[in-house]
């Protein structure tokens, strides 16, 4: 664990620029690395919100081209998908619009 720092923020900003290649999407920096002053694991968590997570063709190839690897597909839990990137270390969580879990991430201190 480490405290939030400028490197984490910079890594998030650079990565967020990359994932904007997914059409019709929104994203947020979530988890412990998003909270200044909080001890955090060295993995950036990003929620990517797409129109329909089941329509993987609309976003997955673009993300794989950036180096992301699909590691989790959970259709029974808000159609959640998770992709990993190894440098920088990123967990990219894909949810649909109006997903309660996404809103929970945004409102959890």
PDB file of N, CA and C in Angstrom:
ATOM      1  N   UNK A   1       0.841  -1.178   0.000  1.00  0.00           N
ATOM      2  CA  UNK A   1       0.000   0.000   0.000  1.00  0.00           C
ATOM      3  C   UNK A   1       0.887   1.243   0.000  1.00  0.00           C
ATOM      4  N   UNK A   2       0.404   2.246  -0.626  1.00  0.00           N
ATOM      5  CA  UNK A   2       1.135   3.512  -0.645  1.00  0.00           C
ATOM      6  C   UNK A   2       0.125   4.645  -0.651  1.00  0.00           C
ATOM      7  N   UNK A   3       0.579   5.823  -0.363  1.00  0.00           N
ATOM      8  CA  UNK A   3      -0.331   6.964  -0.406  1.00  0.00           C
ATOM      9  C   UNK A   3      -0.503   7.434  -1.842  1.00  0.00           C
ATOM     10  N   UNK A   4      -1.668   7.971  -2.092  1.00  0.00           N
ATOM     11  CA  UNK A   4      -1.974   8.591  -3.383  1.00  0.00           C
ATOM     12  C   UNK A   4      -0.877   9.584  -3.708  1.00  0.00           C
ATOM     13  N   UNK A   5      -0.470   9.625  -4.961  1.00  0.00           N
ATOM     14  CA  UNK A   5       0.546  10.601  -5.325  1.00  0.00           C
ATOM     15  C   UNK A   5       0.334  11.082  -6.753  1.00  0.00           C
ATOM     16  N   UNK A   6       1.137  12.022  -7.163  1.00  0.00           N
ATOM     17  CA  UNK A   6       1.005  12.596  -8.491  1.00  0.00           C
ATOM     18  C   UNK A   6       1.228  11.589  -9.609  1.00  0.00           C
ATOM     19  N   UNK A   7       2.059  10.578  -9.376  1.00  0.00           N
ATOM     20  CA  UNK A   7       2.303   9.569 -10.408  1.00  0.00           C
ATOM     21  C   UNK A   7       1.016   8.817 -10.716  1.00  0.00           C
ATOM     22  N   UNK A   8       0.271   8.463  -9.675  1.00  0.00           N
ATOM     23  CA  UNK A   8      -1.002   7.776  -9.876  1.00  0.00           C
ATOM     24  C   UNK A   8      -1.960   8.658 -10.655  1.00  0.00           C
ATOM     25  N   UNK A   9      -2.046   9.915 -10.301  1.00  0.00           N
ATOM     26  CA  UNK A   9      -2.939  10.833 -11.000  1.00  0.00           C
ATOM     27  C   UNK A   9      -2.520  10.998 -12.452  1.00  0.00           C
ATOM     28  N   UNK A  10      -1.229  11.127 -12.686  1.00  0.00           N
ATOM     29  CA  UNK A  10      -0.730  11.266 -14.053  1.00  0.00           C
ATOM     30  C   UNK A  10      -1.006  10.012 -14.853  1.00  0.00           C
ATOM     31  N   UNK A  11      -0.792   8.850 -14.253  1.00  0.00           N
ATOM     32  CA  UNK A  11      -1.064   7.589 -14.948  1.00  0.00           C
ATOM     33  C   UNK A  11      -2.537   7.486 -15.310  1.00  0.00           C
ATOM     34  N   UNK A  12      -3.415   7.880 -14.391  1.00  0.00           N
ATOM     35  CA  UNK A  12      -4.843   7.849 -14.692  1.00  0.00           C
ATOM     36  C   UNK A  12      -5.161   8.779 -15.860  1.00  0.00           C
ATOM     37  N   UNK A  13      -4.617   9.982 -15.831  1.00  0.00           N
ATOM     38  CA  UNK A  13      -4.904  10.940 -16.900  1.00  0.00           C
ATOM     39  C   UNK A  13      -4.439  10.415 -18.251  1.00  0.00           C
ATOM     40  N   UNK A  14      -3.252   9.847 -18.297  1.00  0.00           N
ATOM     41  CA  UNK A  14      -2.749   9.305 -19.556  1.00  0.00           C
ATOM     42  C   UNK A  14      -3.595   8.134 -20.022  1.00  0.00           C
ATOM     43  N   UNK A  15      -3.976   7.274 -19.110  1.00  0.00           N
ATOM     44  CA  UNK A  15      -4.782   6.109 -19.472  1.00  0.00           C
ATOM     45  C   UNK A  15      -6.178   6.532 -19.891  1.00  0.00           C
ATOM     46  N   UNK A  16      -6.730   7.534 -19.249  1.00  0.00           N
ATOM     47  CA  UNK A  16      -8.074   7.981 -19.614  1.00  0.00           C
ATOM     48  C   UNK A  16      -8.092   8.544 -21.028  1.00  0.00           C
ATOM     49  N   UNK A  17      -7.004   9.169 -21.438  1.00  0.00           N
ATOM     50  CA  UNK A  17      -6.921   9.663 -22.808  1.00  0.00           C
ATOM     51  C   UNK A  17      -6.966   8.489 -23.780  1.00  0.00           C
ATOM     52  N   UNK A  18      -6.295   7.400 -23.448  1.00  0.00           N
ATOM     53  CA  UNK A  18      -6.273   6.220 -24.305  1.00  0.00           C
ATOM     54  C   UNK A  18      -7.640   5.574 -24.437  1.00  0.00           C
ATOM     55  N   UNK A  19      -8.375   5.425 -23.333  1.00  0.00           N
ATOM     56  CA  UNK A  19      -9.630   4.672 -23.395  1.00  0.00           C
ATOM     57  C   UNK A  19     -10.761   5.457 -24.024  1.00  0.00           C
ATOM     58  N   UNK A  20     -10.546   6.731 -24.286  1.00  0.00           N
ATOM     59  CA  UNK A  20     -11.605   7.481 -24.949  1.00  0.00           C
ATOM     60  C   UNK A  20     -11.824   6.993 -26.372  1.00  0.00           C
ATOM     61  N   UNK A  21     -10.974   6.074 -26.824  1.00  0.00           N
ATOM     62  CA  UNK A  21     -11.181   5.507 -28.156  1.00  0.00           C
ATOM     63  C   UNK A  21     -12.398   4.591 -28.189  1.00  0.00           C
ATOM     64  N   UNK A  22     -12.905   4.198 -27.035  1.00  0.00           N
ATOM     65  CA  UNK A  22     -14.139   3.407 -26.991  1.00  0.00           C
ATOM     66  C   UNK A  22     -15.298   4.359 -27.256  1.00  0.00           C
ATOM     67  N   UNK A  23     -16.047   4.139 -28.342  1.00  0.00           N
ATOM     68  CA  UNK A  23     -17.101   5.089 -28.687  1.00  0.00           C
ATOM     69  C   UNK A  23     -18.250   5.105 -27.678  1.00  0.00           C
ATOM     70  N   UNK A  24     -18.911   6.257 -27.554  1.00  0.00           N
ATOM     71  CA  UNK A  24     -20.080   6.410 -26.689  1.00  0.00           C
ATOM     72  C   UNK A  24     -19.816   5.905 -25.274  1.00  0.00           C
ATOM     73  N   UNK A  25     -18.741   6.361 -24.680  1.00  0.00           N
ATOM     74  CA  UNK A  25     -18.389   5.885 -23.353  1.00  0.00           C
ATOM     75  C   UNK A  25     -18.077   7.058 -22.429  1.00  0.00           C
ATOM     76  N   UNK A  26     -18.079   6.755 -21.140  1.00  0.00           N
ATOM     77  CA  UNK A  26     -17.663   7.690 -20.104  1.00  0.00           C
ATOM     78  C   UNK A  26     -16.770   6.897 -19.157  1.00  0.00           C
ATOM     79  N   UNK A  27     -15.957   7.567 -18.394  1.00  0.00           N
ATOM     80  CA  UNK A  27     -15.070   6.855 -17.489  1.00  0.00           C
ATOM     81  C   UNK A  27     -14.825   7.696 -16.242  1.00  0.00           C
ATOM     82  N   UNK A  28     -14.479   6.995 -15.156  1.00  0.00           N
ATOM     83  CA  UNK A  28     -14.137   7.652 -13.897  1.00  0.00           C
ATOM     84  C   UNK A  28     -13.042   6.882 -13.203  1.00  0.00           C
ATOM     85  N   UNK A  29     -12.154   7.617 -12.552  1.00  0.00           N
ATOM     86  CA  UNK A  29     -11.115   7.041 -11.704  1.00  0.00           C
ATOM     87  C   UNK A  29     -11.787   6.678 -10.386  1.00  0.00           C
ATOM     88  N   UNK A  30     -11.763   5.410 -10.015  1.00  0.00           N
ATOM     89  CA  UNK A  30     -12.431   4.950  -8.799  1.00  0.00           C
ATOM     90  C   UNK A  30     -11.446   4.163  -7.936  1.00  0.00           C
ATOM     91  N   UNK A  31     -11.868   3.800  -6.740  1.00  0.00           N
ATOM     92  CA  UNK A  31     -11.034   2.984  -5.866  1.00  0.00           C
ATOM     93  C   UNK A  31     -10.054   3.820  -5.064  1.00  0.00           C
ATOM     94  N   UNK A  32      -9.167   3.116  -4.370  1.00  0.00           N
ATOM     95  CA  UNK A  32      -8.278   3.765  -3.409  1.00  0.00           C
ATOM     96  C   UNK A  32      -7.310   4.740  -4.052  1.00  0.00           C
ATOM     97  N   UNK A  33      -6.861   4.490  -5.285  1.00  0.00           N
ATOM     98  CA  UNK A  33      -5.913   5.420  -5.906  1.00  0.00           C
ATOM     99  C   UNK A  33      -6.569   6.738  -6.308  1.00  0.00           C
ATOM    100  N   UNK A  34      -7.886   6.789  -6.267  1.00  0.00           N
ATOM    101  CA  UNK A  34      -8.598   8.015  -6.628  1.00  0.00           C
ATOM    102  C   UNK A  34      -8.766   8.962  -5.447  1.00  0.00           C
ATOM    103  N   UNK A  35      -8.381   8.518  -4.250  1.00  0.00           N
ATOM    104  CA  UNK A  35      -8.600   9.313  -3.040  1.00  0.00           C
ATOM    105  C   UNK A  35      -7.262   9.846  -2.525  1.00  0.00           C
ATOM    106  N   UNK A  36      -7.096  11.146  -2.614  1.00  0.00           N
ATOM    107  CA  UNK A  36      -5.856  11.766  -2.167  1.00  0.00           C
ATOM    108  C   UNK A  36      -5.635  11.511  -0.678  1.00  0.00           C
ATOM    109  N   UNK A  37      -4.412  11.083  -0.329  1.00  0.00           N
ATOM    110  CA  UNK A  37      -4.048  10.863   1.058  1.00  0.00           C
ATOM    111  C   UNK A  37      -4.369   9.477   1.587  1.00  0.00           C
ATOM    112  N   UNK A  38      -5.055   8.664   0.804  1.00  0.00           N
ATOM    113  CA  UNK A  38      -5.434   7.317   1.226  1.00  0.00           C
ATOM    114  C   UNK A  38      -4.375   6.320   0.774  1.00  0.00           C
ATOM    115  N   UNK A  39      -4.000   5.406   1.674  1.00  0.00           N
ATOM    116  CA  UNK A  39      -3.087   4.338   1.280  1.00  0.00           C
ATOM    117  C   UNK A  39      -3.760   3.522   0.186  1.00  0.00           C
ATOM    118  N   UNK A  40      -3.001   3.163  -0.848  1.00  0.00           N
ATOM    119  CA  UNK A  40      -3.608   2.519  -2.008  1.00  0.00           C
ATOM    120  C   UNK A  40      -2.682   1.477  -2.604  1.00  0.00           C
ATOM    121  N   UNK A  41      -3.279   0.477  -3.189  1.00  0.00           N
ATOM    122  CA  UNK A  41      -2.495  -0.509  -3.926  1.00  0.00           C
ATOM    123  C   UNK A  41      -1.996   0.160  -5.207  1.00  0.00           C
ATOM    124  N   UNK A  42      -0.939  -0.329  -5.814  1.00  0.00           N
ATOM    125  CA  UNK A  42      -0.402   0.346  -6.998  1.00  0.00           C
ATOM    126  C   UNK A  42      -1.125  -0.042  -8.297  1.00  0.00           C
ATOM    127  N   UNK A  43      -2.429  -0.181  -8.217  1.00  0.00           N
ATOM    128  CA  UNK A  43      -3.231  -0.528  -9.388  1.00  0.00           C
ATOM    129  C   UNK A  43      -4.315   0.538  -9.537  1.00  0.00           C
ATOM    130  N   UNK A  44      -4.415   1.116 -10.709  1.00  0.00           N
ATOM    131  CA  UNK A  44      -5.422   2.138 -10.979  1.00  0.00           C
ATOM    132  C   UNK A  44      -6.723   1.444 -11.355  1.00  0.00           C
ATOM    133  N   UNK A  45      -7.810   1.788 -10.699  1.00  0.00           N
ATOM    134  CA  UNK A  45      -9.138   1.270 -11.045  1.00  0.00           C
ATOM    135  C   UNK A  45      -9.893   2.332 -11.822  1.00  0.00           C
ATOM    136  N   UNK A  46     -10.418   1.929 -12.973  1.00  0.00           N
ATOM    137  CA  UNK A  46     -11.194   2.833 -13.813  1.00  0.00           C
ATOM    138  C   UNK A  46     -12.507   2.147 -14.143  1.00  0.00           C
ATOM    139  N   UNK A  47     -13.601   2.865 -13.994  1.00  0.00           N
ATOM    140  CA  UNK A  47     -14.904   2.393 -14.470  1.00  0.00           C
ATOM    141  C   UNK A  47     -15.138   2.988 -15.845  1.00  0.00           C
ATOM    142  N   UNK A  48     -15.394   2.131 -16.808  1.00  0.00           N
ATOM    143  CA  UNK A  48     -15.743   2.550 -18.162  1.00  0.00           C
ATOM    144  C   UNK A  48     -17.224   2.255 -18.357  1.00  0.00           C
ATOM    145  N   UNK A  49     -17.985   3.277 -18.692  1.00  0.00           N
ATOM    146  CA  UNK A  49     -19.431   3.128 -18.853  1.00  0.00           C
ATOM    147  C   UNK A  49     -19.753   3.159 -20.342  1.00  0.00           C
ATOM    148  N   UNK A  50     -20.384   2.091 -20.806  1.00  0.00           N
ATOM    149  CA  UNK A  50     -20.736   1.971 -22.221  1.00  0.00           C
ATOM    150  C   UNK A  50     -22.250   1.810 -22.338  1.00  0.00           C
ATOM    151  N   UNK A  51     -22.749   1.974 -23.535  1.00  0.00           N
ATOM    152  CA  UNK A  51     -24.187   1.848 -23.776  1.00  0.00           C
ATOM    153  C   UNK A  51     -24.682   0.456 -23.383  1.00  0.00           C
ATOM    154  N   UNK A  52     -23.972  -0.578 -23.806  1.00  0.00           N
ATOM    155  CA  UNK A  52     -24.396  -1.958 -23.551  1.00  0.00           C
ATOM    156  C   UNK A  52     -23.163  -2.846 -23.407  1.00  0.00           C
ATOM    157  N   UNK A  53     -22.813  -3.272 -22.194  1.00  0.00           N
ATOM    158  CA  UNK A  53     -21.633  -4.114 -21.991  1.00  0.00           C
ATOM    159  C   UNK A  53     -21.675  -5.435 -22.768  1.00  0.00           C
ATOM    160  N   UNK A  54     -22.873  -5.929 -23.064  1.00  0.00           N
ATOM    161  CA  UNK A  54     -22.982  -7.173 -23.825  1.00  0.00           C
ATOM    162  C   UNK A  54     -22.491  -7.003 -25.263  1.00  0.00           C
ATOM    163  N   UNK A  55     -22.539  -5.791 -25.767  1.00  0.00           N
ATOM    164  CA  UNK A  55     -22.089  -5.514 -27.132  1.00  0.00           C
ATOM    165  C   UNK A  55     -20.577  -5.293 -27.126  1.00  0.00           C
ATOM    166  N   UNK A  56     -19.838  -6.354 -26.845  1.00  0.00           N
ATOM    167  CA  UNK A  56     -18.388  -6.257 -26.716  1.00  0.00           C
ATOM    168  C   UNK A  56     -17.725  -5.776 -28.002  1.00  0.00           C
ATOM    169  N   UNK A  57     -18.339  -6.035 -29.133  1.00  0.00           N
ATOM    170  CA  UNK A  57     -17.768  -5.599 -30.409  1.00  0.00           C
ATOM    171  C   UNK A  57     -17.641  -4.082 -30.485  1.00  0.00           C
ATOM    172  N   UNK A  58     -18.452  -3.360 -29.702  1.00  0.00           N
ATOM    173  CA  UNK A  58     -18.423  -1.903 -29.758  1.00  0.00           C
ATOM    174  C   UNK A  58     -17.260  -1.285 -28.977  1.00  0.00           C
ATOM    175  N   UNK A  59     -16.573  -2.072 -28.146  1.00  0.00           N
ATOM    176  CA  UNK A  59     -15.487  -1.491 -27.356  1.00  0.00           C
ATOM    177  C   UNK A  59     -14.285  -2.402 -27.153  1.00  0.00           C
ATOM    178  N   UNK A  60     -14.482  -3.715 -27.189  1.00  0.00           N
ATOM    179  CA  UNK A  60     -13.424  -4.638 -26.780  1.00  0.00           C
ATOM    180  C   UNK A  60     -12.208  -4.605 -27.703  1.00  0.00           C
ATOM    181  N   UNK A  61     -12.391  -4.620 -29.007  1.00  0.00           N
ATOM    182  CA  UNK A  61     -11.247  -4.616 -29.924  1.00  0.00           C
ATOM    183  C   UNK A  61     -10.396  -3.365 -29.758  1.00  0.00           C
ATOM    184  N   UNK A  62     -11.040  -2.222 -29.568  1.00  0.00           N
ATOM    185  CA  UNK A  62     -10.297  -0.973 -29.378  1.00  0.00           C
ATOM    186  C   UNK A  62      -9.454  -1.039 -28.106  1.00  0.00           C
ATOM    187  N   UNK A  63     -10.016  -1.610 -27.050  1.00  0.00           N
ATOM    188  CA  UNK A  63      -9.275  -1.706 -25.787  1.00  0.00           C
ATOM    189  C   UNK A  63      -8.165  -2.739 -25.871  1.00  0.00           C
ATOM    190  N   UNK A  64      -8.421  -3.853 -26.532  1.00  0.00           N
ATOM    191  CA  UNK A  64      -7.368  -4.860 -26.712  1.00  0.00           C
ATOM    192  C   UNK A  64      -6.209  -4.291 -27.529  1.00  0.00           C
ATOM    193  N   UNK A  65      -6.502  -3.436 -28.484  1.00  0.00           N
ATOM    194  CA  UNK A  65      -5.450  -2.800 -29.279  1.00  0.00           C
ATOM    195  C   UNK A  65      -4.560  -1.902 -28.420  1.00  0.00           C
ATOM    196  N   UNK A  66      -5.100  -1.425 -27.301  1.00  0.00           N
ATOM    197  CA  UNK A  66      -4.321  -0.607 -26.359  1.00  0.00           C
ATOM    198  C   UNK A  66      -3.544  -1.455 -25.367  1.00  0.00           C
ATOM    199  N   UNK A  67      -3.725  -2.774 -25.425  1.00  0.00           N
ATOM    200  CA  UNK A  67      -2.997  -3.667 -24.520  1.00  0.00           C
ATOM    201  C   UNK A  67      -3.824  -4.262 -23.406  1.00  0.00           C
ATOM    202  N   UNK A  68      -5.110  -3.923 -23.337  1.00  0.00           N
ATOM    203  CA  UNK A  68      -5.980  -4.493 -22.305  1.00  0.00           C
ATOM    204  C   UNK A  68      -6.322  -5.937 -22.642  1.00  0.00           C
ATOM    205  N   UNK A  69      -6.474  -6.743 -21.595  1.00  0.00           N
ATOM    206  CA  UNK A  69      -6.848  -8.150 -21.744  1.00  0.00           C
ATOM    207  C   UNK A  69      -8.127  -8.399 -20.945  1.00  0.00           C
ATOM    208  N   UNK A  70      -9.144  -8.953 -21.598  1.00  0.00           N
ATOM    209  CA  UNK A  70     -10.386  -9.289 -20.905  1.00  0.00           C
ATOM    210  C   UNK A  70     -10.106 -10.442 -19.948  1.00  0.00           C
ATOM    211  N   UNK A  71     -10.372 -10.230 -18.660  1.00  0.00           N
ATOM    212  CA  UNK A  71     -10.091 -11.263 -17.667  1.00  0.00           C
ATOM    213  C   UNK A  71     -11.345 -11.752 -16.948  1.00  0.00           C
ATOM    214  N   UNK A  72     -12.385 -10.931 -16.905  1.00  0.00           N
ATOM    215  CA  UNK A  72     -13.615 -11.319 -16.207  1.00  0.00           C
ATOM    216  C   UNK A  72     -14.819 -10.915 -17.051  1.00  0.00           C
ATOM    217  N   UNK A  73     -15.751 -11.846 -17.166  1.00  0.00           N
ATOM    218  CA  UNK A  73     -17.038 -11.571 -17.821  1.00  0.00           C
ATOM    219  C   UNK A  73     -18.107 -12.083 -16.870  1.00  0.00           C
ATOM    220  N   UNK A  74     -18.889 -11.155 -16.267  1.00  0.00           N
ATOM    221  CA  UNK A  74     -19.902 -11.504 -15.282  1.00  0.00           C
ATOM    222  C   UNK A  74     -21.285 -11.021 -15.731  1.00  0.00           C
ATOM    223  N   UNK A  75     -21.933 -11.749 -16.631  1.00  0.00           N
ATOM    224  CA  UNK A  75     -23.236 -11.304 -17.124  1.00  0.00           C
ATOM    225  C   UNK A  75     -24.303 -11.249 -16.036  1.00  0.00           C
ATOM    226  N   UNK A  76     -24.150 -12.039 -14.985  1.00  0.00           N
ATOM    227  CA  UNK A  76     -25.172 -12.055 -13.929  1.00  0.00           C
ATOM    228  C   UNK A  76     -24.986 -10.930 -12.911  1.00  0.00           C
ATOM    229  N   UNK A  77     -23.900 -10.169 -13.000  1.00  0.00           N
ATOM    230  CA  UNK A  77     -23.646  -9.062 -12.071  1.00  0.00           C
ATOM    231  C   UNK A  77     -23.495  -7.771 -12.870  1.00  0.00           C
ATOM    232  N   UNK A  78     -24.615  -7.144 -13.204  1.00  0.00           N
ATOM    233  CA  UNK A  78     -24.651  -5.873 -13.923  1.00  0.00           C
ATOM    234  C   UNK A  78     -23.938  -5.914 -15.277  1.00  0.00           C
ATOM    235  N   UNK A  79     -23.838  -7.096 -15.866  1.00  0.00           N
ATOM    236  CA  UNK A  79     -23.124  -7.256 -17.141  1.00  0.00           C
ATOM    237  C   UNK A  79     -21.660  -6.794 -17.042  1.00  0.00           C
ATOM    238  N   UNK A  80     -21.073  -6.928 -15.857  1.00  0.00           N
ATOM    239  CA  UNK A  80     -19.707  -6.470 -15.592  1.00  0.00           C
ATOM    240  C   UNK A  80     -18.686  -7.211 -16.447  1.00  0.00           C
ATOM    241  N   UNK A  81     -17.756  -6.446 -16.987  1.00  0.00           N
ATOM    242  CA  UNK A  81     -16.563  -6.967 -17.633  1.00  0.00           C
ATOM    243  C   UNK A  81     -15.385  -6.296 -16.952  1.00  0.00           C
ATOM    244  N   UNK A  82     -14.257  -7.031 -16.845  1.00  0.00           N
ATOM    245  CA  UNK A  82     -13.049  -6.403 -16.341  1.00  0.00           C
ATOM    246  C   UNK A  82     -11.907  -6.745 -17.269  1.00  0.00           C
ATOM    247  N   UNK A  83     -11.151  -5.726 -17.587  1.00  0.00           N
ATOM    248  CA  UNK A  83      -9.967  -5.883 -18.402  1.00  0.00           C
ATOM    249  C   UNK A  83      -8.776  -5.419 -17.589  1.00  0.00           C
ATOM    250  N   UNK A  84      -7.620  -6.008 -17.855  1.00  0.00           N
ATOM    251  CA  UNK A  84      -6.399  -5.630 -17.149  1.00  0.00           C
ATOM    252  C   UNK A  84      -5.376  -5.097 -18.138  1.00  0.00           C
ATOM    253  N   UNK A  85      -4.617  -4.140 -17.647  1.00  0.00           N
ATOM    254  CA  UNK A  85      -3.457  -3.622 -18.358  1.00  0.00           C
ATOM    255  C   UNK A  85      -2.292  -3.772 -17.389  1.00  0.00           C
ATOM    256  N   UNK A  86      -1.120  -4.125 -17.915  1.00  0.00           N
ATOM    257  CA  UNK A  86      -0.001  -4.401 -17.017  1.00  0.00           C
ATOM    258  C   UNK A  86       0.967  -3.235 -16.829  1.00  0.00           C
ATOM    259  N   UNK A  87       0.976  -2.275 -17.773  1.00  0.00           N
ATOM    260  CA  UNK A  87       1.857  -1.118 -17.585  1.00  0.00           C
ATOM    261  C   UNK A  87       1.218   0.120 -18.178  1.00  0.00           C
ATOM    262  N   UNK A  88       0.745   1.043 -17.380  1.00  0.00           N
ATOM    263  CA  UNK A  88       0.661   0.947 -15.922  1.00  0.00           C
ATOM    264  C   UNK A  88      -0.366  -0.108 -15.529  1.00  0.00           C
ATOM    265  N   UNK A  89      -0.306  -0.557 -14.282  1.00  0.00           N
ATOM    266  CA  UNK A  89      -1.242  -1.576 -13.819  1.00  0.00           C
ATOM    267  C   UNK A  89      -2.625  -0.942 -13.650  1.00  0.00           C
ATOM    268  N   UNK A  90      -3.595  -1.452 -14.449  1.00  0.00           N
ATOM    269  CA  UNK A  90      -4.946  -0.905 -14.456  1.00  0.00           C
ATOM    270  C   UNK A  90      -5.956  -2.040 -14.423  1.00  0.00           C
ATOM    271  N   UNK A  91      -6.979  -1.897 -13.604  1.00  0.00           N
ATOM    272  CA  UNK A  91      -8.183  -2.722 -13.668  1.00  0.00           C
ATOM    273  C   UNK A  91      -9.259  -1.847 -14.280  1.00  0.00           C
ATOM    274  N   UNK A  92      -9.727  -2.217 -15.461  1.00  0.00           N
ATOM    275  CA  UNK A  92     -10.744  -1.443 -16.163  1.00  0.00           C
ATOM    276  C   UNK A  92     -12.064  -2.188 -16.053  1.00  0.00           C
ATOM    277  N   UNK A  93     -13.002  -1.622 -15.288  1.00  0.00           N
ATOM    278  CA  UNK A  93     -14.305  -2.233 -15.056  1.00  0.00           C
ATOM    279  C   UNK A  93     -15.297  -1.645 -16.044  1.00  0.00           C
ATOM    280  N   UNK A  94     -15.995  -2.487 -16.781  1.00  0.00           N
ATOM    281  CA  UNK A  94     -16.967  -2.026 -17.767  1.00  0.00           C
ATOM    282  C   UNK A  94     -18.371  -2.289 -17.236  1.00  0.00           C
ATOM    283  N   UNK A  95     -19.174  -1.233 -17.188  1.00  0.00           N
ATOM    284  CA  UNK A  95     -20.567  -1.320 -16.761  1.00  0.00           C
ATOM    285  C   UNK A  95     -21.433  -0.588 -17.773  1.00  0.00           C
ATOM    286  N   UNK A  96     -22.730  -0.846 -17.723  1.00  0.00           N
ATOM    287  CA  UNK A  96     -23.680  -0.133 -18.564  1.00  0.00           C
ATOM    288  C   UNK A  96     -24.159   1.140 -17.900  1.00  0.00           C
ATOM    289  N   UNK A  97     -24.809   1.980 -18.708  1.00  0.00           N
ATOM    290  CA  UNK A  97     -25.377   3.221 -18.181  1.00  0.00           C
ATOM    291  C   UNK A  97     -26.399   2.912 -17.096  1.00  0.00           C
ATOM    292  N   UNK A  98     -26.483   3.759 -16.111  1.00  0.00           N
ATOM    293  CA  UNK A  98     -27.431   3.630 -14.996  1.00  0.00           C
ATOM    294  C   UNK A  98     -27.205   2.387 -14.145  1.00  0.00           C
ATOM    295  N   UNK A  99     -25.996   1.876 -14.137  1.00  0.00           N
ATOM    296  CA  UNK A  99     -25.676   0.694 -13.326  1.00  0.00           C
ATOM    297  C   UNK A  99     -25.520   1.099 -11.851  1.00  0.00           C
ATOM    298  N   UNK A 100     -26.242   0.441 -10.937  1.00  0.00           N
ATOM    299  CA  UNK A 100     -26.134   0.788  -9.510  1.00  0.00           C
ATOM    300  C   UNK A 100     -24.709   0.652  -8.958  1.00  0.00           C
ATOM    301  N   UNK A 101     -23.943  -0.311  -9.447  1.00  0.00           N
ATOM    302  CA  UNK A 101     -22.580  -0.505  -8.940  1.00  0.00           C
ATOM    303  C   UNK A 101     -21.686   0.680  -9.320  1.00  0.00           C
ATOM    304  N   UNK A 102     -21.855   1.185 -10.502  1.00  0.00           N
ATOM    305  CA  UNK A 102     -21.096   2.363 -10.918  1.00  0.00           C
ATOM    306  C   UNK A 102     -21.418   3.546 -10.000  1.00  0.00           C
ATOM    307  N   UNK A 103     -22.687   3.772  -9.722  1.00  0.00           N
ATOM    308  CA  UNK A 103     -23.073   4.875  -8.833  1.00  0.00           C
ATOM    309  C   UNK A 103     -22.545   4.650  -7.417  1.00  0.00           C
ATOM    310  N   UNK A 104     -22.493   3.404  -6.977  1.00  0.00           N
ATOM    311  CA  UNK A 104     -21.927   3.103  -5.659  1.00  0.00           C
ATOM    312  C   UNK A 104     -20.441   3.475  -5.627  1.00  0.00           C
ATOM    313  N   UNK A 105     -19.719   3.165  -6.694  1.00  0.00           N
ATOM    314  CA  UNK A 105     -18.298   3.529  -6.763  1.00  0.00           C
ATOM    315  C   UNK A 105     -18.113   5.029  -6.647  1.00  0.00           C
ATOM    316  N   UNK A 106     -18.981   5.789  -7.287  1.00  0.00           N
ATOM    317  CA  UNK A 106     -18.854   7.243  -7.276  1.00  0.00           C
ATOM    318  C   UNK A 106     -19.181   7.854  -5.923  1.00  0.00           C
ATOM    319  N   UNK A 107     -20.040   7.209  -5.154  1.00  0.00           N
ATOM    320  CA  UNK A 107     -20.515   7.804  -3.909  1.00  0.00           C
ATOM    321  C   UNK A 107     -19.957   7.143  -2.654  1.00  0.00           C
ATOM    322  N   UNK A 108     -18.985   6.267  -2.814  1.00  0.00           N
ATOM    323  CA  UNK A 108     -18.352   5.631  -1.667  1.00  0.00           C
ATOM    324  C   UNK A 108     -17.120   6.453  -1.296  1.00  0.00           C
ATOM    325  N   UNK A 109     -17.088   6.966  -0.064  1.00  0.00           N
ATOM    326  CA  UNK A 109     -15.925   7.792   0.326  1.00  0.00           C
ATOM    327  C   UNK A 109     -14.653   6.984   0.424  1.00  0.00           C
TER     328      UNK A 109
END
